[in-house]
Amino acid sequence: MNDFMSKIEILKLVAHPARLSILEELSKGVKCVSDFQEFLEISQPNISQHLSILRHAGVIDYFIDGRLRCYFLKSPFIPDLLEIIKRDYTGQLPGPECCPTTKKGKYHGDRRK
């Protein structure tokens, strides 16, 4: 699978609120399942399912410390992705001056009013 396709797959995985919250927490450092239970309002088995999905995709991994599984970010793509998601975008991009092919016509603005 090429790099572009793997990023698309990661975007699909991250598009779940619980997984996005998990990745956000892991961007702050190593966490175990009980840490996630403190802020996610879902059951421990559900948290484990999300962690498993992210781990199988290669986005995160874990190490064992006694009886605890300690999870951490593995993909360098995730911190950049989270930064973009958190960024506040205001306004819109400007419309085109004219058609780039015919060099005619004008953009009227938003017609969906």
C-alpha atoms as a PDB file:
ATOM      1  CA  MET A   1       0.000   0.000   0.000  1.00  0.00           C
ATOM      2  CA  ASN A   2       1.418   3.382  -0.919  1.00  0.00           C
ATOM      3  CA  ASP A   3       1.915   6.182   1.591  1.00  0.00           C
ATOM      4  CA  PHE A   4      -1.056   8.216   0.326  1.00  0.00           C
ATOM      5  CA  MET A   5      -3.445   5.267   0.714  1.00  0.00           C
ATOM      6  CA  SER A   6      -2.165   4.519   4.211  1.00  0.00           C
ATOM      7  CA  LYS A   7      -2.848   8.133   5.218  1.00  0.00           C
ATOM      8  CA  ILE A   8      -6.381   7.816   3.847  1.00  0.00           C
ATOM      9  CA  GLU A   9      -6.899   4.703   5.978  1.00  0.00           C
ATOM     10  CA  ILE A  10      -5.592   6.543   9.042  1.00  0.00           C
ATOM     11  CA  LEU A  11      -8.010   9.419   8.362  1.00  0.00           C
ATOM     12  CA  LYS A  12     -10.890   6.930   8.277  1.00  0.00           C
ATOM     13  CA  LEU A  13      -9.803   5.481  11.628  1.00  0.00           C
ATOM     14  CA  VAL A  14      -9.368   8.864  13.267  1.00  0.00           C
ATOM     15  CA  ALA A  15     -12.842   9.998  12.163  1.00  0.00           C
ATOM     16  CA  HIS A  16     -14.366   8.496  15.321  1.00  0.00           C
ATOM     17  CA  PRO A  17     -14.745  10.812  18.355  1.00  0.00           C
ATOM     18  CA  ALA A  18     -13.420   8.253  20.873  1.00  0.00           C
ATOM     19  CA  ARG A  19     -10.355   7.452  18.753  1.00  0.00           C
ATOM     20  CA  LEU A  20      -9.677  11.124  18.187  1.00  0.00           C
ATOM     21  CA  SER A  21      -9.820  11.701  21.958  1.00  0.00           C
ATOM     22  CA  ILE A  22      -7.504   8.741  22.567  1.00  0.00           C
ATOM     23  CA  LEU A  23      -4.965  10.067  20.063  1.00  0.00           C
ATOM     24  CA  GLU A  24      -5.212  13.545  21.546  1.00  0.00           C
ATOM     25  CA  GLU A  25      -4.354  12.141  24.986  1.00  0.00           C
ATOM     26  CA  LEU A  26      -1.536   9.992  23.603  1.00  0.00           C
ATOM     27  CA  SER A  27      -0.037  13.073  21.953  1.00  0.00           C
ATOM     28  CA  LYS A  28       0.544  14.311  25.538  1.00  0.00           C
ATOM     29  CA  GLY A  29       2.382  11.123  26.535  1.00  0.00           C
ATOM     30  CA  VAL A  30       2.059   7.456  27.461  1.00  0.00           C
ATOM     31  CA  LYS A  31      -1.325   6.368  28.885  1.00  0.00           C
ATOM     32  CA  CYS A  32      -2.847   3.129  30.156  1.00  0.00           C
ATOM     33  CA  VAL A  33      -6.479   2.018  29.756  1.00  0.00           C
ATOM     34  CA  SER A  34      -7.493   3.341  33.187  1.00  0.00           C
ATOM     35  CA  ASP A  35      -6.241   6.800  32.158  1.00  0.00           C
ATOM     36  CA  PHE A  36      -8.655   6.785  29.237  1.00  0.00           C
ATOM     37  CA  GLN A  37     -11.552   5.743  31.480  1.00  0.00           C
ATOM     38  CA  GLU A  38     -11.127   9.008  33.415  1.00  0.00           C
ATOM     39  CA  PHE A  39     -12.172  11.204  30.472  1.00  0.00           C
ATOM     40  CA  LEU A  40     -13.962   8.933  27.972  1.00  0.00           C
ATOM     41  CA  GLU A  41     -17.553   8.149  28.851  1.00  0.00           C
ATOM     42  CA  ILE A  42     -17.422   4.633  27.391  1.00  0.00           C
ATOM     43  CA  SER A  43     -16.782   1.223  28.926  1.00  0.00           C
ATOM     44  CA  GLN A  44     -13.318  -0.264  29.394  1.00  0.00           C
ATOM     45  CA  PRO A  45     -14.014  -3.044  26.825  1.00  0.00           C
ATOM     46  CA  ASN A  46     -15.062  -0.371  24.297  1.00  0.00           C
ATOM     47  CA  ILE A  47     -11.877   1.615  25.000  1.00  0.00           C
ATOM     48  CA  SER A  48      -9.863  -1.568  24.483  1.00  0.00           C
ATOM     49  CA  GLN A  49     -11.574  -2.128  21.132  1.00  0.00           C
ATOM     50  CA  HIS A  50     -10.631   1.361  19.949  1.00  0.00           C
ATOM     51  CA  LEU A  51      -7.060   0.887  21.155  1.00  0.00           C
ATOM     52  CA  SER A  52      -6.872  -2.444  19.329  1.00  0.00           C
ATOM     53  CA  ILE A  53      -8.107  -0.899  16.068  1.00  0.00           C
ATOM     54  CA  LEU A  54      -5.523   1.894  16.313  1.00  0.00           C
ATOM     55  CA  ARG A  55      -2.765  -0.575  17.209  1.00  0.00           C
ATOM     56  CA  HIS A  56      -3.547  -2.924  14.309  1.00  0.00           C
ATOM     57  CA  ALA A  57      -3.398   0.063  11.951  1.00  0.00           C
ATOM     58  CA  GLY A  58       0.106   0.855  13.228  1.00  0.00           C
ATOM     59  CA  VAL A  59      -0.921   4.224  14.643  1.00  0.00           C
ATOM     60  CA  ILE A  60      -0.184   3.331  18.272  1.00  0.00           C
ATOM     61  CA  ASP A  61       1.591   0.562  20.183  1.00  0.00           C
ATOM     62  CA  TYR A  62       2.017  -0.490  23.801  1.00  0.00           C
ATOM     63  CA  PHE A  63       4.464  -1.960  26.275  1.00  0.00           C
ATOM     64  CA  ILE A  64       3.634  -3.975  29.363  1.00  0.00           C
ATOM     65  CA  ASP A  65       4.525  -2.645  32.817  1.00  0.00           C
ATOM     66  CA  GLY A  66       3.484  -5.252  35.358  1.00  0.00           C
ATOM     67  CA  ARG A  67      -0.240  -5.722  34.808  1.00  0.00           C
ATOM     68  CA  LEU A  68      -0.655  -2.484  32.829  1.00  0.00           C
ATOM     69  CA  ARG A  69      -0.571  -1.961  29.089  1.00  0.00           C
ATOM     70  CA  CYS A  70       0.959   1.424  28.454  1.00  0.00           C
ATOM     71  CA  TYR A  71      -0.002   2.911  25.076  1.00  0.00           C
ATOM     72  CA  PHE A  72       1.952   5.451  23.026  1.00  0.00           C
ATOM     73  CA  LEU A  73       1.815   7.087  19.586  1.00  0.00           C
ATOM     74  CA  LYS A  74       3.769   5.314  16.878  1.00  0.00           C
ATOM     75  CA  SER A  75       2.805   7.144  13.669  1.00  0.00           C
ATOM     76  CA  PRO A  76       4.571  10.487  13.092  1.00  0.00           C
ATOM     77  CA  PHE A  77       1.570  11.543  10.982  1.00  0.00           C
ATOM     78  CA  ILE A  78      -0.741  11.809  14.014  1.00  0.00           C
ATOM     79  CA  PRO A  79       0.730  14.875  15.817  1.00  0.00           C
ATOM     80  CA  ASP A  80       0.642  16.841  12.544  1.00  0.00           C
ATOM     81  CA  LEU A  81      -2.914  15.697  11.855  1.00  0.00           C
ATOM     82  CA  LEU A  82      -4.066  16.676  15.356  1.00  0.00           C
ATOM     83  CA  GLU A  83      -2.463  20.095  14.969  1.00  0.00           C
ATOM     84  CA  ILE A  84      -4.380  20.710  11.739  1.00  0.00           C
ATOM     85  CA  ILE A  85      -7.659  19.525  13.281  1.00  0.00           C
ATOM     86  CA  LYS A  86      -7.209  21.892  16.255  1.00  0.00           C
ATOM     87  CA  ARG A  87      -6.318  24.886  14.074  1.00  0.00           C
ATOM     88  CA  ASP A  88      -8.974  27.606  13.886  1.00  0.00           C
ATOM     89  CA  TYR A  89      -9.784  28.568  10.306  1.00  0.00           C
ATOM     90  CA  THR A  90     -11.674  31.778   9.678  1.00  0.00           C
ATOM     91  CA  GLY A  91     -13.144  33.060   6.448  1.00  0.00           C
ATOM     92  CA  GLN A  92     -12.949  31.332   3.117  1.00  0.00           C
ATOM     93  CA  LEU A  93     -10.530  31.123   0.254  1.00  0.00           C
ATOM     94  CA  PRO A  94     -11.179  33.776  -2.414  1.00  0.00           C
ATOM     95  CA  GLY A  95     -13.113  32.787  -5.519  1.00  0.00           C
ATOM     96  CA  PRO A  96     -11.363  32.631  -8.894  1.00  0.00           C
ATOM     97  CA  GLU A  97     -11.085  35.712 -11.074  1.00  0.00           C
ATOM     98  CA  CYS A  98     -12.202  33.746 -14.137  1.00  0.00           C
ATOM     99  CA  CYS A  99     -12.149  30.285 -15.697  1.00  0.00           C
ATOM    100  CA  PRO A 100      -8.488  29.169 -15.949  1.00  0.00           C
ATOM    101  CA  THR A 101      -9.174  27.427 -19.281  1.00  0.00           C
ATOM    102  CA  THR A 102     -11.279  29.927 -21.227  1.00  0.00           C
ATOM    103  CA  LYS A 103     -10.114  33.029 -19.311  1.00  0.00           C
ATOM    104  CA  LYS A 104     -13.753  34.183 -19.353  1.00  0.00           C
ATOM    105  CA  GLY A 105     -16.557  34.362 -16.861  1.00  0.00           C
ATOM    106  CA  LYS A 106     -16.657  35.691 -13.334  1.00  0.00           C
ATOM    107  CA  TYR A 107     -17.277  34.065  -9.982  1.00  0.00           C
ATOM    108  CA  HIS A 108     -20.591  35.338  -8.559  1.00  0.00           C
ATOM    109  CA  GLY A 109     -20.038  34.215  -5.007  1.00  0.00           C
ATOM    110  CA  ASP A 110     -22.043  31.678  -3.032  1.00  0.00           C
ATOM    111  CA  ARG A 111     -25.190  30.692  -4.961  1.00  0.00           C
ATOM    112  CA  ARG A 112     -26.557  28.447  -2.191  1.00  0.00           C
ATOM    113  CA  LYS A 113     -28.423  31.166  -0.331  1.00  0.00           C
END
